[in-house]
Amino acid sequence: MGEPARVLFDEPGPRGRARIRLFTVLGLIVIAALLALALWQFGRNGQLGLSRWAPFVQVSYLWFLWQGIVGTIVATALAAVISFPLGVVLALGRLSKRRILRWPAIGYIELFRGIPLLLLIYAFLLALPRFGINLPILWKLVVPIVLVNVAVLAEIFRAGILAVDRGQYEAAAAIGLREGTAMRTVILPQAVRLVIPTLVTQLVALLKDSTLGYVVSYPELMKQGNNLTVYTHLLIQTYLIVAAIYVVVNVALSRLAVWLERRLGTRVRRNVARAEPAGAAPPTMA
């Protein structure tokens, strides 16, 4: 896809840029005012006292929260490692010309996109053990997350594949690549590059889905924070620290997305350059 086709809206003129700057400044002022008001309220009610924050520098408290961070990362990583490849497979199934592959893929996507994740977790916790299916605590959380997110990821990957310029298919066929080889080496890398921002958003959603671990008593970060509030009664301090940890992790994921986008972009350009016939004009990149 050429550079002009990527433009989603016209570039703002001088007045438009001035309005954007004005609203940005006003938004920052409002946010700063809300933060100042919150800090004032906390201070007035004694929530900023050193004695209420001192426990969180103790090794035992930090270790307890660290166990929650590890639990969150493990659950999220497992769900992502399983969901992303299965999402690609399901997307290819939905795009298949064979009904025997396409219709089951469509049925799965439509079914699990409409089922609430919490309901699935309760099914694995309460219903399935009665039929002899009693998974470990970790998998009672991970498997429902995978079932739901595979359907969502399949639609993301399908949109990316359909967004690749048709000329890429024609260029791959022109140099004798089979359909499967062209999809694996030419189309999919470009499709993934197109949807990286959406994939990162979905990865953040996976991270947030792990907070439902409290249902199965899995020791992820929110569950550990909740346990701390029961013993310490420092509710505001605990959840502010937990929220800060989530913000740091999500920012790290965003930086990872930028790195992956650059890395995949370089790889795509190498694959396309390798696939070009000698003397032929390069195909239009997506």
Protein backbone atom coordinates (compact mmCIF):
# COMPACT_ATOMS: atom_id res chain seq x y z
CA MET A 1 0.00 0.00 0.00
CA GLY A 2 1.46 3.31 -0.98
CA GLU A 3 2.18 6.08 1.48
CA PRO A 4 -0.80 8.25 0.43
CA ALA A 5 -3.17 5.34 1.00
CA ARG A 6 -2.09 5.12 4.64
CA VAL A 7 -3.34 8.61 5.42
CA LEU A 8 -6.53 8.34 7.46
CA PHE A 9 -7.32 12.07 7.46
CA ASP A 10 -6.00 15.28 5.95
CA GLU A 11 -3.12 16.95 7.72
CA PRO A 12 -4.48 19.81 9.87
CA GLY A 13 -3.76 23.36 8.77
CA PRO A 14 -2.48 26.22 10.96
CA ARG A 15 -5.84 26.71 12.69
CA GLY A 16 -6.26 23.00 13.22
CA ARG A 17 -2.80 22.67 14.74
CA ALA A 18 -3.48 25.65 16.99
CA ARG A 19 -6.73 24.06 18.20
CA ILE A 20 -4.94 20.76 18.83
CA ARG A 21 -2.27 22.53 20.90
CA LEU A 22 -4.93 24.47 22.81
CA PHE A 23 -6.97 21.36 23.66
CA THR A 24 -3.80 19.48 24.59
CA VAL A 25 -2.77 22.21 27.03
CA LEU A 26 -6.30 22.41 28.47
CA GLY A 27 -6.40 18.64 28.87
CA LEU A 28 -3.05 18.61 30.70
CA ILE A 29 -4.24 21.41 32.98
CA VAL A 30 -7.42 19.51 33.84
CA ILE A 31 -5.45 16.31 34.55
CA ALA A 32 -2.96 18.23 36.71
CA ALA A 33 -5.83 19.86 38.61
CA LEU A 34 -7.49 16.50 39.26
CA LEU A 35 -4.21 15.02 40.50
CA ALA A 36 -3.65 18.03 42.76
CA LEU A 37 -7.19 17.69 44.14
CA ALA A 38 -6.67 13.98 44.78
CA LEU A 39 -3.37 14.62 46.58
CA TRP A 40 -4.99 17.36 48.66
CA GLN A 41 -7.80 15.03 49.69
CA PHE A 42 -5.34 12.26 50.53
CA GLY A 43 -3.24 14.66 52.60
CA ARG A 44 -6.26 16.06 54.45
CA ASN A 45 -7.32 12.54 55.41
CA GLY A 46 -3.84 11.49 56.49
CA GLN A 47 -3.27 9.09 53.61
CA LEU A 48 0.08 10.66 52.67
CA GLY A 49 1.64 10.12 56.08
CA LEU A 50 4.98 8.35 56.08
CA SER A 51 3.71 5.67 58.44
CA ARG A 52 1.13 4.56 55.85
CA TRP A 53 3.75 4.15 53.11
CA ALA A 54 6.67 2.82 55.17
CA PRO A 55 5.51 -0.85 55.06
CA PHE A 56 5.95 -0.92 51.28
CA VAL A 57 9.71 -0.58 51.57
CA GLN A 58 9.94 -3.70 53.70
CA VAL A 59 11.29 -6.81 52.01
CA SER A 60 8.30 -8.96 53.00
CA TYR A 61 5.79 -6.56 51.38
CA LEU A 62 7.89 -6.16 48.24
CA TRP A 63 8.35 -9.91 47.95
CA PHE A 64 4.61 -10.46 48.30
CA LEU A 65 3.89 -7.99 45.48
CA TRP A 66 6.73 -9.45 43.40
CA GLN A 67 5.07 -12.86 43.58
CA GLY A 68 1.93 -11.24 42.19
CA ILE A 69 3.91 -9.62 39.35
CA VAL A 70 5.47 -12.98 38.48
CA GLY A 71 2.05 -14.63 38.54
CA THR A 72 0.62 -11.97 36.23
CA ILE A 73 3.53 -12.24 33.80
CA VAL A 74 3.35 -16.05 33.73
CA ALA A 75 -0.40 -16.10 33.06
CA THR A 76 -0.16 -13.36 30.42
CA ALA A 77 2.85 -14.90 28.70
CA LEU A 78 1.27 -18.36 28.54
CA ALA A 79 -1.98 -16.95 27.17
CA ALA A 80 -0.12 -14.87 24.57
CA VAL A 81 2.20 -17.69 23.44
CA ILE A 82 -0.78 -19.96 22.89
CA SER A 83 -3.29 -17.40 21.59
CA PHE A 84 -1.23 -15.60 18.95
CA PRO A 85 -0.28 -18.65 16.82
CA LEU A 86 -3.77 -20.11 17.16
CA GLY A 87 -5.21 -16.75 16.12
CA VAL A 88 -3.17 -16.90 12.90
CA VAL A 89 -4.34 -20.47 12.21
CA LEU A 90 -7.96 -19.54 12.85
CA ALA A 91 -7.69 -16.46 10.62
CA LEU A 92 -6.28 -18.58 7.79
CA GLY A 93 -9.11 -21.06 8.35
CA ARG A 94 -11.71 -18.32 8.02
CA LEU A 95 -10.06 -17.08 4.82
CA SER A 96 -9.84 -20.59 3.38
CA LYS A 97 -11.75 -21.41 0.19
CA ARG A 98 -12.72 -24.79 1.65
CA ARG A 99 -16.01 -24.76 3.51
CA ILE A 100 -14.89 -27.58 5.79
CA LEU A 101 -12.28 -25.19 7.21
CA ARG A 102 -14.05 -21.86 6.81
CA TRP A 103 -17.38 -22.60 8.48
CA PRO A 104 -15.99 -24.14 11.72
CA ALA A 105 -13.60 -21.18 12.00
CA ILE A 106 -16.47 -18.72 11.56
CA GLY A 107 -18.58 -20.60 14.11
CA TYR A 108 -15.79 -20.58 16.70
CA ILE A 109 -15.07 -16.88 16.22
CA GLU A 110 -18.69 -15.82 16.48
CA LEU A 111 -19.30 -18.05 19.51
CA PHE A 112 -16.33 -17.11 21.66
CA ARG A 113 -16.40 -13.42 20.77
CA GLY A 114 -19.86 -13.31 22.34
CA ILE A 115 -19.17 -15.28 25.55
CA PRO A 116 -18.06 -13.23 28.59
CA LEU A 117 -14.65 -14.30 29.85
CA LEU A 118 -15.84 -14.36 33.47
CA LEU A 119 -18.56 -16.85 32.54
CA LEU A 120 -15.98 -19.17 30.97
CA ILE A 121 -13.77 -18.95 34.04
CA TYR A 122 -16.70 -19.92 36.26
CA ALA A 123 -17.43 -22.83 33.90
CA PHE A 124 -13.88 -24.15 34.33
CA LEU A 125 -14.05 -23.54 38.08
CA LEU A 126 -17.50 -24.88 38.95
CA ALA A 127 -19.05 -26.81 36.05
CA LEU A 128 -16.32 -28.81 34.34
CA PRO A 129 -14.90 -30.43 37.54
CA ARG A 130 -18.26 -32.22 37.91
CA PHE A 131 -17.50 -33.98 34.62
CA GLY A 132 -13.98 -34.94 35.66
CA ILE A 133 -12.23 -31.97 34.00
CA ASN A 134 -10.38 -30.33 36.87
CA LEU A 135 -7.43 -28.27 35.63
CA PRO A 136 -4.71 -26.74 37.83
CA ILE A 137 -5.46 -23.24 39.12
CA LEU A 138 -3.20 -21.54 36.57
CA TRP A 139 -4.87 -23.25 33.63
CA LYS A 140 -8.36 -22.53 34.95
CA LEU A 141 -7.43 -18.91 34.26
CA VAL A 142 -5.26 -19.29 31.14
CA VAL A 143 -7.47 -21.63 29.11
CA PRO A 144 -10.59 -19.39 29.22
CA ILE A 145 -8.43 -16.36 28.35
CA VAL A 146 -7.01 -18.27 25.38
CA LEU A 147 -10.44 -19.42 24.17
CA VAL A 148 -11.78 -15.86 24.09
CA ASN A 149 -8.69 -14.10 22.80
CA VAL A 150 -8.02 -16.55 19.97
CA ALA A 151 -11.33 -15.47 18.43
CA VAL A 152 -10.44 -11.79 18.77
CA LEU A 153 -6.90 -12.27 17.46
CA ALA A 154 -8.19 -14.24 14.49
CA GLU A 155 -10.21 -11.22 13.37
CA ILE A 156 -7.21 -8.94 13.89
CA PHE A 157 -4.95 -11.15 11.76
CA ARG A 158 -7.67 -11.58 9.13
CA ALA A 159 -8.01 -7.80 8.85
CA GLY A 160 -4.24 -7.49 8.48
CA ILE A 161 -4.10 -10.12 5.74
CA LEU A 162 -6.94 -8.49 3.82
CA ALA A 163 -5.22 -5.10 4.16
CA VAL A 164 -2.11 -6.28 2.30
CA ASP A 165 -2.05 -4.87 -1.22
CA ARG A 166 -3.30 -7.30 -3.86
CA GLY A 167 -0.15 -6.64 -5.87
CA GLN A 168 1.81 -8.60 -3.26
CA TYR A 169 -0.14 -11.77 -4.09
CA GLU A 170 0.35 -11.18 -7.81
CA ALA A 171 4.08 -10.50 -7.40
CA ALA A 172 4.51 -13.70 -5.38
CA ALA A 173 2.63 -15.72 -8.01
CA ALA A 174 4.67 -14.11 -10.79
CA ILE A 175 7.94 -15.41 -9.38
CA GLY A 176 6.53 -18.90 -8.92
CA LEU A 177 5.78 -18.99 -5.19
CA ARG A 178 3.07 -21.39 -4.12
CA GLU A 179 0.08 -20.01 -2.27
CA GLY A 180 1.19 -21.36 1.11
CA THR A 181 4.78 -20.20 0.66
CA ALA A 182 3.63 -16.75 -0.47
CA MET A 183 1.35 -16.45 2.55
CA ARG A 184 4.11 -17.49 4.97
CA THR A 185 7.02 -15.48 3.55
CA VAL A 186 5.39 -12.44 1.90
CA ILE A 187 1.82 -11.81 3.06
CA LEU A 188 1.86 -12.74 6.77
CA PRO A 189 4.96 -10.69 7.69
CA GLN A 190 3.40 -7.60 6.13
CA ALA A 191 0.02 -8.32 7.73
CA VAL A 192 1.64 -8.67 11.16
CA ARG A 193 3.50 -5.41 10.64
CA LEU A 194 0.23 -3.65 9.81
CA VAL A 195 -1.56 -4.87 12.94
CA ILE A 196 1.26 -4.56 15.49
CA PRO A 197 -0.40 -1.63 17.32
CA THR A 198 -3.63 -3.62 17.59
CA LEU A 199 -1.73 -6.71 18.74
CA VAL A 200 -0.10 -4.70 21.51
CA THR A 201 -3.52 -3.41 22.54
CA GLN A 202 -4.72 -7.01 22.69
CA LEU A 203 -1.65 -8.00 24.71
CA VAL A 204 -2.52 -5.27 27.20
CA ALA A 205 -6.06 -6.68 27.26
CA LEU A 206 -4.56 -10.11 28.05
CA LEU A 207 -2.67 -8.53 30.93
CA LYS A 208 -5.87 -6.99 32.24
CA ASP A 209 -7.76 -10.27 31.79
CA SER A 210 -5.30 -11.90 34.17
CA THR A 211 -6.80 -9.78 36.97
CA LEU A 212 -9.74 -12.21 36.92
CA GLY A 213 -7.40 -14.68 38.59
CA TYR A 214 -9.07 -13.79 41.90
CA VAL A 215 -12.02 -15.96 40.81
CA VAL A 216 -9.88 -19.11 40.87
CA SER A 217 -7.62 -17.79 43.68
CA TYR A 218 -4.64 -17.58 41.34
CA PRO A 219 -1.94 -15.35 42.96
CA GLU A 220 -1.63 -12.64 40.31
CA LEU A 221 -0.88 -9.00 41.13
CA MET A 222 -4.44 -7.86 41.89
CA LYS A 223 -5.09 -10.90 44.05
CA GLN A 224 -1.88 -10.29 46.01
CA GLY A 225 -2.78 -6.63 46.41
CA ASN A 226 -6.21 -7.58 47.70
CA ASN A 227 -4.62 -9.97 50.20
CA LEU A 228 -2.36 -7.16 51.41
CA THR A 229 -5.31 -4.85 52.03
CA VAL A 230 -6.96 -7.53 54.18
CA TYR A 231 -3.95 -7.73 56.49
CA THR A 232 -2.76 -4.12 56.45
CA HIS A 233 -5.97 -2.14 55.79
CA LEU A 234 -3.84 0.16 53.58
CA LEU A 235 -6.29 0.04 50.69
CA ILE A 236 -5.44 3.33 48.93
CA GLN A 237 -1.69 2.88 49.19
CA THR A 238 -1.77 -0.73 48.02
CA TYR A 239 -3.94 -0.12 44.98
CA LEU A 240 -2.01 3.00 43.98
CA ILE A 241 1.19 0.95 43.96
CA VAL A 242 -0.52 -1.86 42.03
CA ALA A 243 -1.86 0.66 39.50
CA ALA A 244 1.63 2.16 39.10
CA ILE A 245 3.05 -1.30 38.42
CA TYR A 246 0.45 -1.93 35.71
CA VAL A 247 1.25 1.42 34.11
CA VAL A 248 4.98 0.62 34.04
CA VAL A 249 4.34 -2.81 32.49
CA ASN A 250 2.02 -1.39 29.83
CA VAL A 251 4.52 1.34 28.93
CA ALA A 252 7.18 -1.37 28.57
CA LEU A 253 4.85 -3.28 26.24
CA SER A 254 4.36 -0.16 24.12
CA ARG A 255 8.13 0.29 23.81
CA LEU A 256 8.42 -3.36 22.84
CA ALA A 257 5.84 -2.78 20.11
CA VAL A 258 7.90 0.05 18.64
CA TRP A 259 10.98 -2.17 18.60
CA LEU A 260 9.09 -5.07 17.00
CA GLU A 261 7.60 -2.78 14.34
CA ARG A 262 11.06 -1.61 13.33
CA ARG A 263 12.49 -5.12 13.39
CA LEU A 264 9.66 -6.62 11.35
CA GLY A 265 9.75 -3.72 8.91
CA THR A 266 13.43 -4.42 8.20
CA ARG A 267 12.73 -8.13 7.75
CA VAL A 268 9.81 -7.51 5.39
CA ARG A 269 11.93 -5.26 3.21
CA ARG A 270 14.63 -7.95 3.03
CA ASN A 271 12.12 -10.65 2.06
CA VAL A 272 10.56 -8.50 -0.64
CA ALA A 273 13.98 -7.52 -2.03
CA ARG A 274 14.99 -11.19 -2.09
CA ALA A 275 11.76 -12.15 -3.87
CA GLU A 276 12.03 -9.51 -6.62
CA PRO A 277 13.03 -10.82 -10.05
CA ALA A 278 16.18 -9.30 -11.50
CA GLY A 279 15.44 -6.06 -13.31
CA ALA A 280 11.79 -6.01 -12.24
CA ALA A 281 10.20 -2.99 -10.62
CA PRO A 282 9.58 -3.56 -6.89
CA PRO A 283 5.95 -4.26 -5.97
CA THR A 284 4.04 -1.73 -3.93
CA MET A 285 4.62 -2.32 -0.23
CA ALA A 286 1.78 -2.58 2.24
